[in-house]
């Protein structure tokens, strides 16, 4: 069963991320009304928090019934094939564009970026931060940490995975808060941002085991949207900055200000769809397409904006600032959909295709 509200929210999440990076591109050349509208300038980064909640729900939805080593390995294999090959292709595309425009960039920096891209999870004791070749890949490192936690539950044949995650993830966060680690690996594995995946897990449990009234679902959606509006009007400090999240200094504040409202919106939409409310919205064809292509859009828009920035620098041309944000967003979504249709979807189909079974040769009957 496909939950279309999830695809709709994935579309919203990636559009938010594209918006914040479109403003970043624009403000290097001009001043727009959007960047000066209250605290809208960096608010689009909240799309990642919405993605984290969605991931917690989806992984629980598709893999809650997995048990044992064989199904655990199958789970990791499916996650790797779904996430990594496309990520590597997109990272290679960015690296090619980057080296083309900046021929004097230190080779060692490129190699370090490739190392962080390939490993995904911090395992080296010399690592001080997440620095993948494609910077938006930082969020995939936390995705993989959540996958590994879920894999361990599958491996241990845990029946009530939601309950154990409800204990394990907060316990890791508490350990981090008590120890105040300086080793980046410990900072990463105890980062409070992981609580946002837990929100999705809890929503899945409620989806399976609780009856949520339409009024309650609508209230959750309204509460989440109100939280978004509050952040835009009253601000959120520096929690939008990458170092604030990966360094752990602003993660807990981000969970409270961004993670909770995103979880309310996620829960509200899912339960409303379950009740048959807003069916036309969830089944909008363009929204579903953008949702399906959201991963490709997320991975490619940064490269597109980098190339556009270099073109603007070399030509001295730039658009009207507010118009440029809209144009760049349309281009990013269009390019991401193209990448999805021509690269991601064919590649996934290829990777999941089974080799033809070789039939034994037919021997002619002896006369």
Protein backbone atom coordinates (compact mmCIF):
# COMPACT_ATOMS: atom_id res chain seq x y z
CA UNK A 1 0.00 0.00 0.00
CA UNK A 2 1.38 3.41 -0.99
CA UNK A 3 0.71 6.33 1.33
CA UNK A 4 0.43 9.28 -1.04
CA UNK A 5 0.55 11.91 1.70
CA UNK A 6 4.12 10.75 2.36
CA UNK A 7 5.03 11.51 -1.26
CA UNK A 8 3.30 14.89 -0.98
CA UNK A 9 5.35 15.71 2.12
CA UNK A 10 8.56 14.56 0.45
CA UNK A 11 7.77 17.05 -2.32
CA UNK A 12 7.23 19.82 0.25
CA UNK A 13 10.43 18.90 2.09
CA UNK A 14 12.64 19.03 -1.00
CA UNK A 15 11.06 22.29 -2.19
CA UNK A 16 11.88 23.83 1.20
CA UNK A 17 15.51 22.72 0.89
CA UNK A 18 15.72 24.00 -2.69
CA UNK A 19 14.28 27.33 -1.54
CA UNK A 20 16.92 27.92 1.13
CA UNK A 21 19.74 27.14 -1.31
CA UNK A 22 18.12 29.29 -4.00
CA UNK A 23 18.25 32.20 -1.55
CA UNK A 24 21.89 31.36 -0.78
CA UNK A 25 22.66 31.57 -4.50
CA UNK A 26 20.74 34.81 -4.95
CA UNK A 27 22.16 36.65 -1.96
CA UNK A 28 25.69 36.29 -3.31
CA UNK A 29 24.70 38.80 -6.00
CA UNK A 30 21.79 40.88 -4.70
CA UNK A 31 19.29 41.47 -1.90
CA UNK A 32 15.80 40.01 -2.17
CA UNK A 33 12.61 40.66 -0.26
CA UNK A 34 12.47 36.98 0.67
CA UNK A 35 15.79 36.99 2.50
CA UNK A 36 14.65 40.03 4.49
CA UNK A 37 11.16 38.69 5.25
CA UNK A 38 11.33 37.99 8.98
CA UNK A 39 13.39 34.76 9.33
CA UNK A 40 12.44 33.14 6.03
CA UNK A 41 16.01 33.29 4.69
CA UNK A 42 17.27 30.06 6.29
CA UNK A 43 13.95 28.48 7.18
CA UNK A 44 13.92 26.08 4.19
CA UNK A 45 16.56 23.95 5.89
CA UNK A 46 13.66 22.56 7.94
CA UNK A 47 12.94 20.32 4.96
CA UNK A 48 15.72 17.99 6.17
CA UNK A 49 13.96 17.60 9.54
CA UNK A 50 10.75 16.69 7.73
CA UNK A 51 12.73 14.15 5.70
CA UNK A 52 14.12 12.58 8.89
CA UNK A 53 10.64 12.09 10.34
CA UNK A 54 9.44 10.61 7.04
CA UNK A 55 12.39 8.19 7.02
CA UNK A 56 11.60 7.01 10.53
CA UNK A 57 8.03 6.26 9.45
CA UNK A 58 8.92 4.62 6.11
CA UNK A 59 11.64 2.33 7.48
CA UNK A 60 9.32 1.17 10.25
CA UNK A 61 6.53 0.70 7.71
CA UNK A 62 8.52 -1.46 5.28
CA UNK A 63 10.86 -3.34 7.63
CA UNK A 64 9.03 -3.75 10.94
CA UNK A 65 8.32 -7.41 10.15
CA UNK A 66 11.96 -8.26 9.30
CA UNK A 67 13.67 -10.71 11.67
CA UNK A 68 17.03 -12.46 11.75
CA UNK A 69 20.38 -12.22 10.00
CA UNK A 70 19.17 -13.09 6.51
CA UNK A 71 16.41 -10.47 6.44
CA UNK A 72 18.71 -7.99 8.19
CA UNK A 73 21.32 -8.32 5.46
CA UNK A 74 18.54 -8.04 2.86
CA UNK A 75 17.39 -4.83 4.56
CA UNK A 76 20.88 -3.28 4.37
CA UNK A 77 21.27 -4.40 0.77
CA UNK A 78 18.00 -2.76 -0.23
CA UNK A 79 18.91 0.44 1.62
CA UNK A 80 22.34 0.54 -0.01
CA UNK A 81 20.95 0.02 -3.50
CA UNK A 82 18.26 2.64 -2.91
CA UNK A 83 20.53 5.32 -1.42
CA UNK A 84 24.18 4.93 -2.33
CA UNK A 85 24.54 4.37 -6.10
CA UNK A 86 22.49 7.48 -6.96
CA UNK A 87 24.37 9.43 -4.29
CA UNK A 88 27.71 8.38 -5.76
CA UNK A 89 26.62 9.37 -9.27
CA UNK A 90 25.39 12.77 -8.06
CA UNK A 91 28.59 13.29 -6.06
CA UNK A 92 30.72 12.45 -9.08
CA UNK A 93 28.70 14.92 -11.16
CA UNK A 94 29.33 17.66 -8.61
CA UNK A 95 33.04 16.83 -8.39
CA UNK A 96 33.39 17.04 -12.19
CA UNK A 97 31.65 20.43 -12.27
CA UNK A 98 33.67 21.69 -9.33
CA UNK A 99 37.01 20.66 -10.82
CA UNK A 100 35.98 22.14 -14.18
CA UNK A 101 35.31 25.59 -12.70
CA UNK A 102 38.01 25.51 -10.01
CA UNK A 103 41.02 23.85 -11.61
CA UNK A 104 43.36 24.91 -8.82
CA UNK A 105 41.39 23.40 -5.95
CA UNK A 106 43.70 21.19 -3.81
CA UNK A 107 43.50 17.55 -4.89
CA UNK A 108 43.81 16.40 -1.26
CA UNK A 109 40.57 18.18 -0.41
CA UNK A 110 38.80 16.37 -3.26
CA UNK A 111 40.18 13.04 -2.04
CA UNK A 112 39.08 13.74 1.53
CA UNK A 113 35.61 14.55 0.26
CA UNK A 114 35.51 11.25 -1.64
CA UNK A 115 36.56 9.41 1.51
CA UNK A 116 33.72 10.90 3.54
CA UNK A 117 31.32 10.25 0.67
CA UNK A 118 32.25 6.57 0.43
CA UNK A 119 32.35 5.77 4.15
CA UNK A 120 29.10 7.60 4.98
CA UNK A 121 29.53 6.96 8.74
CA UNK A 122 32.42 8.51 10.75
CA UNK A 123 34.84 5.74 11.69
CA UNK A 124 38.25 7.44 11.55
CA UNK A 125 39.64 8.90 14.78
CA UNK A 126 41.06 11.88 12.89
CA UNK A 127 37.68 13.00 11.58
CA UNK A 128 36.47 16.34 12.91
CA UNK A 129 33.37 16.99 10.79
CA UNK A 130 31.23 15.65 7.95
CA UNK A 131 32.66 16.84 4.65
CA UNK A 132 31.31 14.74 1.77
CA UNK A 133 32.02 15.83 -1.78
CA UNK A 134 28.37 16.78 -2.18
CA UNK A 135 27.66 18.74 0.99
CA UNK A 136 23.94 17.88 1.12
CA UNK A 137 25.08 14.30 1.68
CA UNK A 138 25.63 15.08 5.38
CA UNK A 139 22.02 14.11 6.09
CA UNK A 140 22.54 10.67 4.53
CA UNK A 141 25.11 9.89 7.21
CA UNK A 142 22.41 10.21 9.86
CA UNK A 143 20.06 8.21 7.67
CA UNK A 144 22.59 5.39 7.62
CA UNK A 145 23.10 5.53 11.37
CA UNK A 146 19.35 5.05 11.77
CA UNK A 147 19.47 2.16 9.29
CA UNK A 148 22.24 0.52 11.30
CA UNK A 149 20.25 0.81 14.53
CA UNK A 150 17.25 -0.73 12.79
CA UNK A 151 19.46 -3.47 11.35
CA UNK A 152 20.64 -4.41 14.85
CA UNK A 153 17.02 -4.79 15.96
CA UNK A 154 16.31 -7.01 12.96
CA UNK A 155 19.45 -9.03 13.69
CA UNK A 156 18.38 -9.53 17.32
CA UNK A 157 14.86 -10.55 16.21
CA UNK A 158 13.25 -7.76 18.22
CA UNK A 159 9.49 -7.91 17.78
CA UNK A 160 8.55 -4.50 19.17
CA UNK A 161 11.15 -2.39 17.37
CA UNK A 162 9.36 0.89 18.08
CA UNK A 163 9.52 0.32 21.85
CA UNK A 164 13.22 -0.54 21.83
CA UNK A 165 14.09 2.42 19.61
CA UNK A 166 12.13 4.54 22.08
CA UNK A 167 14.65 3.40 24.68
CA UNK A 168 17.86 3.18 22.65
CA UNK A 169 17.89 6.50 20.79
CA UNK A 170 17.08 8.67 23.86
CA UNK A 171 19.65 6.65 25.85
CA UNK A 172 22.33 7.50 23.25
CA UNK A 173 21.33 11.15 23.40
CA UNK A 174 21.51 11.18 27.22
CA UNK A 175 24.95 9.55 27.12
CA UNK A 176 26.14 12.27 24.79
CA UNK A 177 24.71 15.02 27.00
CA UNK A 178 26.37 13.54 30.09
CA UNK A 179 29.79 12.78 28.59
CA UNK A 180 30.18 15.92 26.47
CA UNK A 181 32.43 14.00 24.03
CA UNK A 182 35.11 15.72 21.98
CA UNK A 183 35.66 12.76 19.64
CA UNK A 184 33.56 13.51 16.57
CA UNK A 185 32.47 9.89 16.27
CA UNK A 186 30.86 9.99 19.71
CA UNK A 187 29.31 13.38 18.95
CA UNK A 188 27.81 11.90 15.79
CA UNK A 189 26.45 8.67 17.29
CA UNK A 190 24.87 10.46 20.26
CA UNK A 191 23.53 13.43 18.29
CA UNK A 192 20.04 14.54 19.44
CA UNK A 193 19.03 14.98 15.77
CA UNK A 194 18.36 11.21 15.79
CA UNK A 195 15.26 11.92 17.86
CA UNK A 196 13.60 13.17 14.68
CA UNK A 197 13.74 9.65 13.20
CA UNK A 198 12.19 8.43 16.43
CA UNK A 199 9.22 10.75 15.89
CA UNK A 200 8.55 8.95 12.62
CA UNK A 201 8.79 5.58 14.35
CA UNK A 202 6.24 6.68 16.96
CA UNK A 203 3.89 7.95 14.25
CA UNK A 204 4.14 4.55 12.53
CA UNK A 205 3.24 2.76 15.77
CA UNK A 206 0.20 5.00 16.19
CA UNK A 207 -0.72 4.44 12.55
CA UNK A 208 -0.74 0.69 13.10
CA UNK A 209 -2.20 0.44 16.59
CA UNK A 210 -4.27 3.53 17.38
CA UNK A 211 -7.44 5.09 16.03
CA UNK A 212 -6.84 8.79 15.56
CA UNK A 213 -9.96 10.91 15.08
CA UNK A 214 -10.17 13.28 12.13
CA UNK A 215 -10.33 16.26 14.48
CA UNK A 216 -7.16 15.16 16.26
CA UNK A 217 -5.35 14.66 12.94
CA UNK A 218 -6.44 18.11 11.75
CA UNK A 219 -5.33 19.58 15.07
CA UNK A 220 -1.88 18.02 14.71
CA UNK A 221 -1.54 19.45 11.20
CA UNK A 222 -2.63 22.91 12.33
CA UNK A 223 -0.27 22.75 15.32
CA UNK A 224 2.64 21.80 13.06
CA UNK A 225 1.90 24.56 10.56
CA UNK A 226 1.59 27.04 13.43
CA UNK A 227 5.05 25.93 14.58
CA UNK A 228 6.44 26.63 11.11
CA UNK A 229 4.86 30.09 11.09
CA UNK A 230 6.23 30.77 14.58
CA UNK A 231 9.76 29.94 13.39
CA UNK A 232 9.48 32.24 10.38
CA UNK A 233 8.19 35.17 12.45
CA UNK A 234 10.15 34.82 15.69
CA UNK A 235 13.30 33.08 14.50
CA UNK A 236 15.28 30.00 15.47
CA UNK A 237 18.84 31.11 16.18
CA UNK A 238 21.63 29.35 14.32
CA UNK A 239 20.06 25.87 14.19
CA UNK A 240 19.90 26.08 10.39
CA UNK A 241 23.70 26.09 10.18
CA UNK A 242 25.28 22.74 9.33
CA UNK A 243 27.99 23.00 11.99
CA UNK A 244 25.31 23.58 14.62
CA UNK A 245 23.74 20.22 13.76
CA UNK A 246 26.76 18.04 13.07
CA UNK A 247 28.64 19.51 16.02
CA UNK A 248 25.67 18.80 18.26
CA UNK A 249 25.56 22.29 19.78
CA UNK A 250 22.19 23.22 18.31
CA UNK A 251 20.72 19.79 17.64
CA UNK A 252 18.40 19.54 20.64
CA UNK A 253 17.05 23.04 20.02
CA UNK A 254 16.52 22.09 16.38
CA UNK A 255 14.62 18.96 17.39
CA UNK A 256 12.29 21.03 19.55
CA UNK A 257 11.80 23.98 17.19
CA UNK A 258 11.87 22.13 13.87
CA UNK A 259 11.58 18.42 14.53
CA UNK A 260 8.39 18.54 16.60
CA UNK A 261 6.36 20.76 14.23
CA UNK A 262 7.52 18.60 11.31
CA UNK A 263 6.40 15.48 13.19
CA UNK A 264 2.98 17.04 13.86
CA UNK A 265 2.59 17.86 10.16
CA UNK A 266 3.68 14.34 9.20
CA UNK A 267 1.24 12.73 11.64
CA UNK A 268 -1.60 15.06 10.69
CA UNK A 269 -1.25 14.38 6.96
CA UNK A 270 -0.91 10.61 7.33
CA UNK A 271 -3.92 10.29 9.64
CA UNK A 272 -6.02 12.62 7.50
CA UNK A 273 -5.28 10.51 4.43
CA UNK A 274 -6.19 7.39 6.41
CA UNK A 275 -9.56 9.02 7.12
CA UNK A 276 -10.03 9.87 3.44
CA UNK A 277 -9.61 13.63 3.97
CA UNK A 278 -7.93 15.78 1.26
CA UNK A 279 -7.77 12.80 -1.12
CA UNK A 280 -7.45 15.06 -4.17
CA UNK A 281 -4.45 16.82 -2.61
CA UNK A 282 -2.59 13.60 -1.82
CA UNK A 283 -3.31 12.21 -5.31
CA UNK A 284 -2.18 15.27 -7.25
CA UNK A 285 -0.09 13.91 -10.15
CA UNK A 286 2.53 16.65 -10.12
CA UNK A 287 2.91 16.45 -6.35
CA UNK A 288 3.39 12.68 -6.57
CA UNK A 289 5.98 13.11 -9.33
CA UNK A 290 7.97 15.65 -7.32
CA UNK A 291 7.70 13.36 -4.29
CA UNK A 292 8.98 10.39 -6.30
CA UNK A 293 11.83 12.54 -7.67
CA UNK A 294 12.58 14.24 -4.33
CA UNK A 295 15.80 12.29 -3.73
CA UNK A 296 17.14 13.19 -7.17
CA UNK A 297 16.12 16.82 -6.71
CA UNK A 298 17.83 16.88 -3.32
CA UNK A 299 21.06 15.45 -4.71
CA UNK A 300 21.28 17.51 -7.92
CA UNK A 301 20.01 20.99 -7.05
CA UNK A 302 23.20 21.97 -5.23
CA UNK A 303 25.29 21.16 -8.31
CA UNK A 304 22.93 23.15 -10.53
CA UNK A 305 23.12 26.17 -8.23
CA UNK A 306 26.91 25.91 -8.12
CA UNK A 307 27.11 25.92 -11.94
CA UNK A 308 24.68 28.84 -12.17
CA UNK A 309 26.76 30.78 -9.63
CA UNK A 310 29.89 30.27 -11.73
CA UNK A 311 28.07 31.37 -14.88
CA UNK A 312 26.82 34.53 -13.16
CA UNK A 313 30.32 35.30 -11.90
CA UNK A 314 31.88 34.89 -15.34
CA UNK A 315 29.16 36.73 -17.28
CA UNK A 316 28.35 39.46 -14.77
CA UNK A 317 24.66 38.84 -15.42
CA UNK A 318 22.00 38.31 -12.75
CA UNK A 319 18.23 38.33 -12.56
CA UNK A 320 15.86 40.32 -10.45
CA UNK A 321 16.64 38.82 -6.99
CA UNK A 322 13.16 37.56 -6.07
CA UNK A 323 12.50 36.37 -9.61
CA UNK A 324 15.82 34.55 -9.60
CA UNK A 325 14.81 32.50 -6.56
CA UNK A 326 11.65 31.34 -8.31
CA UNK A 327 13.44 30.64 -11.60
CA UNK A 328 16.22 28.72 -9.86
CA UNK A 329 13.71 26.63 -7.93
CA UNK A 330 11.82 25.74 -11.11
CA UNK A 331 15.09 24.83 -12.85
CA UNK A 332 16.21 22.73 -9.87
CA UNK A 333 12.95 20.80 -9.66
CA UNK A 334 12.92 20.29 -13.44
CA UNK A 335 16.53 19.13 -13.54
CA UNK A 336 15.92 16.82 -10.58
CA UNK A 337 12.89 15.25 -12.26
CA UNK A 338 14.96 14.75 -15.43
CA UNK A 339 17.71 13.10 -13.36
CA UNK A 340 15.11 10.90 -11.68
CA UNK A 341 13.58 9.75 -14.97
CA UNK A 342 16.85 9.30 -16.88
CA UNK A 343 19.30 8.21 -14.16
CA UNK A 344 17.77 7.26 -10.81
CA UNK A 345 14.83 5.16 -11.98
CA UNK A 346 16.73 3.26 -14.72
CA UNK A 347 19.67 2.66 -12.38
CA UNK A 348 17.44 1.31 -9.60
CA UNK A 349 15.67 -0.92 -12.10
CA UNK A 350 19.03 -2.21 -13.34
CA UNK A 351 20.36 -2.86 -9.84
CA UNK A 352 17.23 -4.74 -8.81
CA UNK A 353 16.93 -6.79 -11.97
CA UNK A 354 17.63 -10.49 -11.56
CA UNK A 355 19.94 -12.24 -14.02
CA UNK A 356 18.13 -14.67 -16.31
CA UNK A 357 18.10 -18.24 -15.11
CA UNK A 358 20.34 -20.38 -17.27
CA UNK A 359 18.42 -23.37 -18.57
CA UNK A 360 20.35 -26.63 -18.92
CA UNK A 361 20.96 -27.62 -22.53
CA UNK A 362 18.35 -29.93 -23.98
CA UNK A 363 19.88 -33.20 -25.09
CA UNK A 364 18.46 -34.88 -28.11
CA UNK A 365 16.95 -38.27 -27.40
CA UNK A 366 18.99 -41.18 -28.63
CA UNK A 367 17.34 -43.02 -31.53
